[in-house]
Amino acid sequence: MQTEVFQQLKEMAIAIILQANLSSFMLIEKLIAILSIIEELEMKNTERRNKMQQDAMHQVVVYMLDFEVEEQKQKMEK
């Protein structure tokens, strides 16, 4: 969802840049700055998503190890 919004914002900014005439240089500069901000937000969003996936994988591994330890304890008790 966010990626689609970012993509739409980029496309709109690029369309405005392409339609702008040379006298609106400041507008072009501001739109390029907005594109940079969008790129940075996309990157941070991707980093956050990757971190969440890594955390989830870590939790799964910890759970599996706990399960293995518990199984070994039960085998040793028998």
PDB file of N, CA and C in Angstrom:
ATOM      1  N   MET A   1       0.832  -1.196   0.000  1.00  0.00           N
ATOM      2  CA  MET A   1       0.000   0.000   0.000  1.00  0.00           C
ATOM      3  C   MET A   1       0.870   1.251   0.000  1.00  0.00           C
ATOM      4  N   GLN A   2       1.816   1.337   0.940  1.00  0.00           N
ATOM      5  CA  GLN A   2       2.674   2.506   1.014  1.00  0.00           C
ATOM      6  C   GLN A   2       3.537   2.625  -0.230  1.00  0.00           C
ATOM      7  N   THR A   3       4.010   1.496  -0.737  1.00  0.00           N
ATOM      8  CA  THR A   3       4.843   1.512  -1.933  1.00  0.00           C
ATOM      9  C   THR A   3       4.060   2.079  -3.114  1.00  0.00           C
ATOM     10  N   GLU A   4       2.788   1.719  -3.220  1.00  0.00           N
ATOM     11  CA  GLU A   4       1.951   2.251  -4.297  1.00  0.00           C
ATOM     12  C   GLU A   4       1.797   3.760  -4.157  1.00  0.00           C
ATOM     13  N   VAL A   5       1.604   4.239  -2.925  1.00  0.00           N
ATOM     14  CA  VAL A   5       1.470   5.678  -2.688  1.00  0.00           C
ATOM     15  C   VAL A   5       2.771   6.381  -3.060  1.00  0.00           C
ATOM     16  N   PHE A   6       3.898   5.835  -2.627  1.00  0.00           N
ATOM     17  CA  PHE A   6       5.193   6.421  -2.970  1.00  0.00           C
ATOM     18  C   PHE A   6       5.360   6.476  -4.487  1.00  0.00           C
ATOM     19  N   GLN A   7       5.003   5.402  -5.163  1.00  0.00           N
ATOM     20  CA  GLN A   7       5.138   5.347  -6.613  1.00  0.00           C
ATOM     21  C   GLN A   7       4.264   6.404  -7.284  1.00  0.00           C
ATOM     22  N   GLN A   8       3.036   6.562  -6.814  1.00  0.00           N
ATOM     23  CA  GLN A   8       2.138   7.565  -7.378  1.00  0.00           C
ATOM     24  C   GLN A   8       2.682   8.979  -7.150  1.00  0.00           C
ATOM     25  N   LEU A   9       3.210   9.229  -5.947  1.00  0.00           N
ATOM     26  CA  LEU A   9       3.788  10.540  -5.666  1.00  0.00           C
ATOM     27  C   LEU A   9       4.978  10.825  -6.574  1.00  0.00           C
ATOM     28  N   LYS A  10       5.823   9.818  -6.766  1.00  0.00           N
ATOM     29  CA  LYS A  10       6.973  10.003  -7.654  1.00  0.00           C
ATOM     30  C   LYS A  10       6.524  10.303  -9.075  1.00  0.00           C
ATOM     31  N   GLU A  11       5.549   9.551  -9.555  1.00  0.00           N
ATOM     32  CA  GLU A  11       5.061   9.750 -10.923  1.00  0.00           C
ATOM     33  C   GLU A  11       4.460  11.145 -11.094  1.00  0.00           C
ATOM     34  N   MET A  12       3.721  11.606 -10.077  1.00  0.00           N
ATOM     35  CA  MET A  12       3.137  12.943 -10.148  1.00  0.00           C
ATOM     36  C   MET A  12       4.227  14.016 -10.172  1.00  0.00           C
ATOM     37  N   ALA A  13       5.236  13.864  -9.310  1.00  0.00           N
ATOM     38  CA  ALA A  13       6.316  14.844  -9.255  1.00  0.00           C
ATOM     39  C   ALA A  13       7.092  14.866 -10.567  1.00  0.00           C
ATOM     40  N   ILE A  14       7.367  13.693 -11.117  1.00  0.00           N
ATOM     41  CA  ILE A  14       8.094  13.626 -12.389  1.00  0.00           C
ATOM     42  C   ILE A  14       7.266  14.260 -13.507  1.00  0.00           C
ATOM     43  N   ALA A  15       5.958  14.013 -13.513  1.00  0.00           N
ATOM     44  CA  ALA A  15       5.089  14.608 -14.536  1.00  0.00           C
ATOM     45  C   ALA A  15       5.110  16.135 -14.447  1.00  0.00           C
ATOM     46  N   ILE A  16       5.089  16.663 -13.222  1.00  0.00           N
ATOM     47  CA  ILE A  16       5.131  18.117 -13.034  1.00  0.00           C
ATOM     48  C   ILE A  16       6.470  18.678 -13.501  1.00  0.00           C
ATOM     49  N   ILE A  17       7.552  17.966 -13.171  1.00  0.00           N
ATOM     50  CA  ILE A  17       8.883  18.412 -13.605  1.00  0.00           C
ATOM     51  C   ILE A  17       8.949  18.461 -15.125  1.00  0.00           C
ATOM     52  N   LEU A  18       8.442  17.433 -15.783  1.00  0.00           N
ATOM     53  CA  LEU A  18       8.494  17.373 -17.241  1.00  0.00           C
ATOM     54  C   LEU A  18       7.628  18.454 -17.890  1.00  0.00           C
ATOM     55  N   GLN A  19       6.548  18.838 -17.229  1.00  0.00           N
ATOM     56  CA  GLN A  19       5.657  19.853 -17.786  1.00  0.00           C
ATOM     57  C   GLN A  19       6.110  21.281 -17.476  1.00  0.00           C
ATOM     58  N   ALA A  20       6.961  21.415 -16.466  1.00  0.00           N
ATOM     59  CA  ALA A  20       7.393  22.758 -16.045  1.00  0.00           C
ATOM     60  C   ALA A  20       8.291  23.376 -17.112  1.00  0.00           C
ATOM     61  N   ASN A  21       8.201  24.687 -17.230  1.00  0.00           N
ATOM     62  CA  ASN A  21       9.108  25.353 -18.174  1.00  0.00           C
ATOM     63  C   ASN A  21      10.362  25.793 -17.425  1.00  0.00           C
ATOM     64  N   LEU A  22      11.339  26.259 -18.150  1.00  0.00           N
ATOM     65  CA  LEU A  22      12.625  26.594 -17.537  1.00  0.00           C
ATOM     66  C   LEU A  22      12.531  27.756 -16.557  1.00  0.00           C
ATOM     67  N   SER A  23      11.520  28.587 -16.655  1.00  0.00           N
ATOM     68  CA  SER A  23      11.395  29.728 -15.740  1.00  0.00           C
ATOM     69  C   SER A  23      10.976  29.287 -14.333  1.00  0.00           C
ATOM     70  N   SER A  24      10.507  28.061 -14.222  1.00  0.00           N
ATOM     71  CA  SER A  24      10.079  27.593 -12.899  1.00  0.00           C
ATOM     72  C   SER A  24      11.142  26.680 -12.289  1.00  0.00           C
ATOM     73  N   PHE A  25      12.389  27.138 -12.327  1.00  0.00           N
ATOM     74  CA  PHE A  25      13.510  26.356 -11.813  1.00  0.00           C
ATOM     75  C   PHE A  25      13.347  26.037 -10.330  1.00  0.00           C
ATOM     76  N   MET A  26      12.836  27.007  -9.548  1.00  0.00           N
ATOM     77  CA  MET A  26      12.660  26.763  -8.105  1.00  0.00           C
ATOM     78  C   MET A  26      11.646  25.643  -7.861  1.00  0.00           C
ATOM     79  N   LEU A  27      10.591  25.620  -8.672  1.00  0.00           N
ATOM     80  CA  LEU A  27       9.596  24.549  -8.548  1.00  0.00           C
ATOM     81  C   LEU A  27      10.240  23.195  -8.819  1.00  0.00           C
ATOM     82  N   ILE A  28      11.048  23.150  -9.858  1.00  0.00           N
ATOM     83  CA  ILE A  28      11.731  21.902 -10.193  1.00  0.00           C
ATOM     84  C   ILE A  28      12.641  21.465  -9.045  1.00  0.00           C
ATOM     85  N   GLU A  29      13.385  22.415  -8.459  1.00  0.00           N
ATOM     86  CA  GLU A  29      14.258  22.086  -7.323  1.00  0.00           C
ATOM     87  C   GLU A  29      13.451  21.508  -6.162  1.00  0.00           C
ATOM     88  N   LYS A  30      12.306  22.133  -5.874  1.00  0.00           N
ATOM     89  CA  LYS A  30      11.477  21.658  -4.760  1.00  0.00           C
ATOM     90  C   LYS A  30      10.915  20.265  -5.045  1.00  0.00           C
ATOM     91  N   LEU A  31      10.499  20.033  -6.276  1.00  0.00           N
ATOM     92  CA  LEU A  31       9.973  18.712  -6.629  1.00  0.00           C
ATOM     93  C   LEU A  31      11.063  17.642  -6.551  1.00  0.00           C
ATOM     94  N   ILE A  32      12.268  17.998  -6.957  1.00  0.00           N
ATOM     95  CA  ILE A  32      13.379  17.043  -6.838  1.00  0.00           C
ATOM     96  C   ILE A  32      13.652  16.751  -5.363  1.00  0.00           C
ATOM     97  N   ALA A  33      13.560  17.765  -4.518  1.00  0.00           N
ATOM     98  CA  ALA A  33      13.730  17.558  -3.073  1.00  0.00           C
ATOM     99  C   ALA A  33      12.645  16.626  -2.539  1.00  0.00           C
ATOM    100  N   ILE A  34      11.407  16.820  -3.014  1.00  0.00           N
ATOM    101  CA  ILE A  34      10.299  15.948  -2.594  1.00  0.00           C
ATOM    102  C   ILE A  34      10.567  14.506  -3.034  1.00  0.00           C
ATOM    103  N   LEU A  35      11.063  14.332  -4.266  1.00  0.00           N
ATOM    104  CA  LEU A  35      11.405  12.983  -4.735  1.00  0.00           C
ATOM    105  C   LEU A  35      12.463  12.355  -3.837  1.00  0.00           C
ATOM    106  N   SER A  36      13.440  13.140  -3.416  1.00  0.00           N
ATOM    107  CA  SER A  36      14.484  12.626  -2.519  1.00  0.00           C
ATOM    108  C   SER A  36      13.888  12.178  -1.191  1.00  0.00           C
ATOM    109  N   ILE A  37      12.963  12.965  -0.670  1.00  0.00           N
ATOM    110  CA  ILE A  37      12.310  12.614   0.594  1.00  0.00           C
ATOM    111  C   ILE A  37      11.512  11.322   0.433  1.00  0.00           C
ATOM    112  N   ILE A  38      10.796  11.200  -0.687  1.00  0.00           N
ATOM    113  CA  ILE A  38      10.016   9.980  -0.942  1.00  0.00           C
ATOM    114  C   ILE A  38      10.945   8.769  -1.001  1.00  0.00           C
ATOM    115  N   GLU A  39      12.077   8.909  -1.704  1.00  0.00           N
ATOM    116  CA  GLU A  39      13.041   7.807  -1.792  1.00  0.00           C
ATOM    117  C   GLU A  39      13.540   7.423  -0.402  1.00  0.00           C
ATOM    118  N   GLU A  40      13.832   8.432   0.427  1.00  0.00           N
ATOM    119  CA  GLU A  40      14.320   8.161   1.784  1.00  0.00           C
ATOM    120  C   GLU A  40      13.256   7.444   2.611  1.00  0.00           C
ATOM    121  N   LEU A  41      12.003   7.884   2.482  1.00  0.00           N
ATOM    122  CA  LEU A  41      10.909   7.221   3.207  1.00  0.00           C
ATOM    123  C   LEU A  41      10.735   5.780   2.753  1.00  0.00           C
ATOM    124  N   GLU A  42      10.851   5.552   1.451  1.00  0.00           N
ATOM    125  CA  GLU A  42      10.758   4.179   0.935  1.00  0.00           C
ATOM    126  C   GLU A  42      11.863   3.310   1.521  1.00  0.00           C
ATOM    127  N   MET A  43      13.071   3.870   1.575  1.00  0.00           N
ATOM    128  CA  MET A  43      14.210   3.116   2.094  1.00  0.00           C
ATOM    129  C   MET A  43      13.998   2.782   3.575  1.00  0.00           C
ATOM    130  N   LYS A  44      13.548   3.779   4.350  1.00  0.00           N
ATOM    131  CA  LYS A  44      13.301   3.535   5.774  1.00  0.00           C
ATOM    132  C   LYS A  44      12.194   2.510   5.966  1.00  0.00           C
ATOM    133  N   ASN A  45      11.159   2.582   5.139  1.00  0.00           N
ATOM    134  CA  ASN A  45      10.053   1.627   5.213  1.00  0.00           C
ATOM    135  C   ASN A  45      10.554   0.212   4.934  1.00  0.00           C
ATOM    136  N   THR A  46      11.402   0.080   3.918  1.00  0.00           N
ATOM    137  CA  THR A  46      11.968  -1.229   3.578  1.00  0.00           C
ATOM    138  C   THR A  46      12.850  -1.743   4.710  1.00  0.00           C
ATOM    139  N   GLU A  47      13.675  -0.850   5.294  1.00  0.00           N
ATOM    140  CA  GLU A  47      14.537  -1.254   6.407  1.00  0.00           C
ATOM    141  C   GLU A  47      13.701  -1.726   7.588  1.00  0.00           C
ATOM    142  N   ARG A  48      12.616  -0.996   7.871  1.00  0.00           N
ATOM    143  CA  ARG A  48      11.743  -1.368   9.000  1.00  0.00           C
ATOM    144  C   ARG A  48      11.091  -2.722   8.744  1.00  0.00           C
ATOM    145  N   ARG A  49      10.634  -2.936   7.507  1.00  0.00           N
ATOM    146  CA  ARG A  49      10.002  -4.214   7.152  1.00  0.00           C
ATOM    147  C   ARG A  49      11.015  -5.355   7.284  1.00  0.00           C
ATOM    148  N   ASN A  50      12.235  -5.126   6.809  1.00  0.00           N
ATOM    149  CA  ASN A  50      13.271  -6.155   6.911  1.00  0.00           C
ATOM    150  C   ASN A  50      13.592  -6.467   8.367  1.00  0.00           C
ATOM    151  N   LYS A  51      13.649  -5.445   9.207  1.00  0.00           N
ATOM    152  CA  LYS A  51      13.938  -5.647  10.630  1.00  0.00           C
ATOM    153  C   LYS A  51      12.826  -6.468  11.280  1.00  0.00           C
ATOM    154  N   MET A  52      11.587  -6.154  10.929  1.00  0.00           N
ATOM    155  CA  MET A  52      10.462  -6.917  11.489  1.00  0.00           C
ATOM    156  C   MET A  52      10.534  -8.379  11.067  1.00  0.00           C
ATOM    157  N   GLN A  53      10.924  -8.636   9.818  1.00  0.00           N
ATOM    158  CA  GLN A  53      11.055 -10.015   9.342  1.00  0.00           C
ATOM    159  C   GLN A  53      12.190 -10.727  10.071  1.00  0.00           C
ATOM    160  N   GLN A  54      13.312 -10.022  10.277  1.00  0.00           N
ATOM    161  CA  GLN A  54      14.434 -10.620  10.996  1.00  0.00           C
ATOM    162  C   GLN A  54      14.040 -10.950  12.433  1.00  0.00           C
ATOM    163  N   ASP A  55      13.313 -10.018  13.079  1.00  0.00           N
ATOM    164  CA  ASP A  55      12.868 -10.258  14.452  1.00  0.00           C
ATOM    165  C   ASP A  55      11.938 -11.466  14.526  1.00  0.00           C
ATOM    166  N   ALA A  56      11.048 -11.579  13.562  1.00  0.00           N
ATOM    167  CA  ALA A  56      10.127 -12.716  13.541  1.00  0.00           C
ATOM    168  C   ALA A  56      10.894 -14.024  13.354  1.00  0.00           C
ATOM    169  N   MET A  57      11.866 -14.014  12.441  1.00  0.00           N
ATOM    170  CA  MET A  57      12.676 -15.221  12.222  1.00  0.00           C
ATOM    171  C   MET A  57      13.438 -15.587  13.492  1.00  0.00           C
ATOM    172  N   HIS A  58      13.963 -14.583  14.166  1.00  0.00           N
ATOM    173  CA  HIS A  58      14.697 -14.819  15.411  1.00  0.00           C
ATOM    174  C   HIS A  58      13.778 -15.461  16.455  1.00  0.00           C
ATOM    175  N   GLN A  59      12.565 -14.951  16.567  1.00  0.00           N
ATOM    176  CA  GLN A  59      11.610 -15.507  17.528  1.00  0.00           C
ATOM    177  C   GLN A  59      11.280 -16.958  17.199  1.00  0.00           C
ATOM    178  N   VAL A  60      11.152 -17.273  15.919  1.00  0.00           N
ATOM    179  CA  VAL A  60      10.863 -18.653  15.508  1.00  0.00           C
ATOM    180  C   VAL A  60      12.022 -19.563  15.893  1.00  0.00           C
ATOM    181  N   VAL A  61      13.246 -19.106  15.631  1.00  0.00           N
ATOM    182  CA  VAL A  61      14.426 -19.914  15.965  1.00  0.00           C
ATOM    183  C   VAL A  61      14.505 -20.142  17.473  1.00  0.00           C
ATOM    184  N   VAL A  62      14.282 -19.080  18.242  1.00  0.00           N
ATOM    185  CA  VAL A  62      14.318 -19.217  19.711  1.00  0.00           C
ATOM    186  C   VAL A  62      13.251 -20.208  20.178  1.00  0.00           C
ATOM    187  N   TYR A  63      12.055 -20.118  19.609  1.00  0.00           N
ATOM    188  CA  TYR A  63      10.974 -21.036  19.981  1.00  0.00           C
ATOM    189  C   TYR A  63      11.362 -22.476  19.650  1.00  0.00           C
ATOM    190  N   MET A  64      11.940 -22.666  18.461  1.00  0.00           N
ATOM    191  CA  MET A  64      12.335 -24.015  18.056  1.00  0.00           C
ATOM    192  C   MET A  64      13.421 -24.563  18.973  1.00  0.00           C
ATOM    193  N   LEU A  65      14.377 -23.724  19.336  1.00  0.00           N
ATOM    194  CA  LEU A  65      15.434 -24.171  20.244  1.00  0.00           C
ATOM    195  C   LEU A  65      14.864 -24.510  21.620  1.00  0.00           C
ATOM    196  N   ASP A  66      13.962 -23.674  22.114  1.00  0.00           N
ATOM    197  CA  ASP A  66      13.315 -23.961  23.398  1.00  0.00           C
ATOM    198  C   ASP A  66      12.582 -25.292  23.344  1.00  0.00           C
ATOM    199  N   PHE A  67      11.901 -25.539  22.248  1.00  0.00           N
ATOM    200  CA  PHE A  67      11.163 -26.785  22.071  1.00  0.00           C
ATOM    201  C   PHE A  67      12.127 -27.968  22.086  1.00  0.00           C
ATOM    202  N   GLU A  68      13.249 -27.835  21.378  1.00  0.00           N
ATOM    203  CA  GLU A  68      14.250 -28.914  21.341  1.00  0.00           C
ATOM    204  C   GLU A  68      14.814 -29.179  22.732  1.00  0.00           C
ATOM    205  N   VAL A  69      15.119 -28.117  23.459  1.00  0.00           N
ATOM    206  CA  VAL A  69      15.661 -28.274  24.811  1.00  0.00           C
ATOM    207  C   VAL A  69      14.647 -28.984  25.694  1.00  0.00           C
ATOM    208  N   GLU A  70      13.399 -28.584  25.591  1.00  0.00           N
ATOM    209  CA  GLU A  70      12.342 -29.205  26.396  1.00  0.00           C
ATOM    210  C   GLU A  70      12.193 -30.686  26.048  1.00  0.00           C
ATOM    211  N   GLU A  71      12.258 -31.007  24.767  1.00  0.00           N
ATOM    212  CA  GLU A  71      12.177 -32.410  24.350  1.00  0.00           C
ATOM    213  C   GLU A  71      13.340 -33.211  24.922  1.00  0.00           C
ATOM    214  N   GLN A  72      14.537 -32.648  24.873  1.00  0.00           N
ATOM    215  CA  GLN A  72      15.716 -33.341  25.406  1.00  0.00           C
ATOM    216  C   GLN A  72      15.597 -33.547  26.911  1.00  0.00           C
ATOM    217  N   LYS A  73      15.078 -32.552  27.612  1.00  0.00           N
ATOM    218  CA  LYS A  73      14.881 -32.683  29.056  1.00  0.00           C
ATOM    219  C   LYS A  73      13.929 -33.837  29.364  1.00  0.00           C
ATOM    220  N   GLN A  74      12.829 -33.893  28.598  1.00  0.00           N
ATOM    221  CA  GLN A  74      11.844 -34.949  28.833  1.00  0.00           C
ATOM    222  C   GLN A  74      12.443 -36.319  28.544  1.00  0.00           C
ATOM    223  N   LYS A  75      13.267 -36.436  27.521  1.00  0.00           N
ATOM    224  CA  LYS A  75      13.900 -37.714  27.202  1.00  0.00           C
ATOM    225  C   LYS A  75      14.858 -38.126  28.309  1.00  0.00           C
ATOM    226  N   MET A  76      15.573 -37.144  28.866  1.00  0.00           N
ATOM    227  CA  MET A  76      16.538 -37.454  29.920  1.00  0.00           C
ATOM    228  C   MET A  76      15.830 -37.852  31.213  1.00  0.00           C
ATOM    229  N   GLU A  77      14.656 -37.302  31.461  1.00  0.00           N
ATOM    230  CA  GLU A  77      13.906 -37.613  32.679  1.00  0.00           C
ATOM    231  C   GLU A  77      13.323 -39.020  32.651  1.00  0.00           C
ATOM    232  N   LYS A  78      13.129 -39.555  31.446  1.00  0.00           N
ATOM    233  CA  LYS A  78      12.517 -40.889  31.318  1.00  0.00           C
ATOM    234  C   LYS A  78      13.479 -41.981  31.586  1.00  0.00           C
TER     235      LYS A  78
END
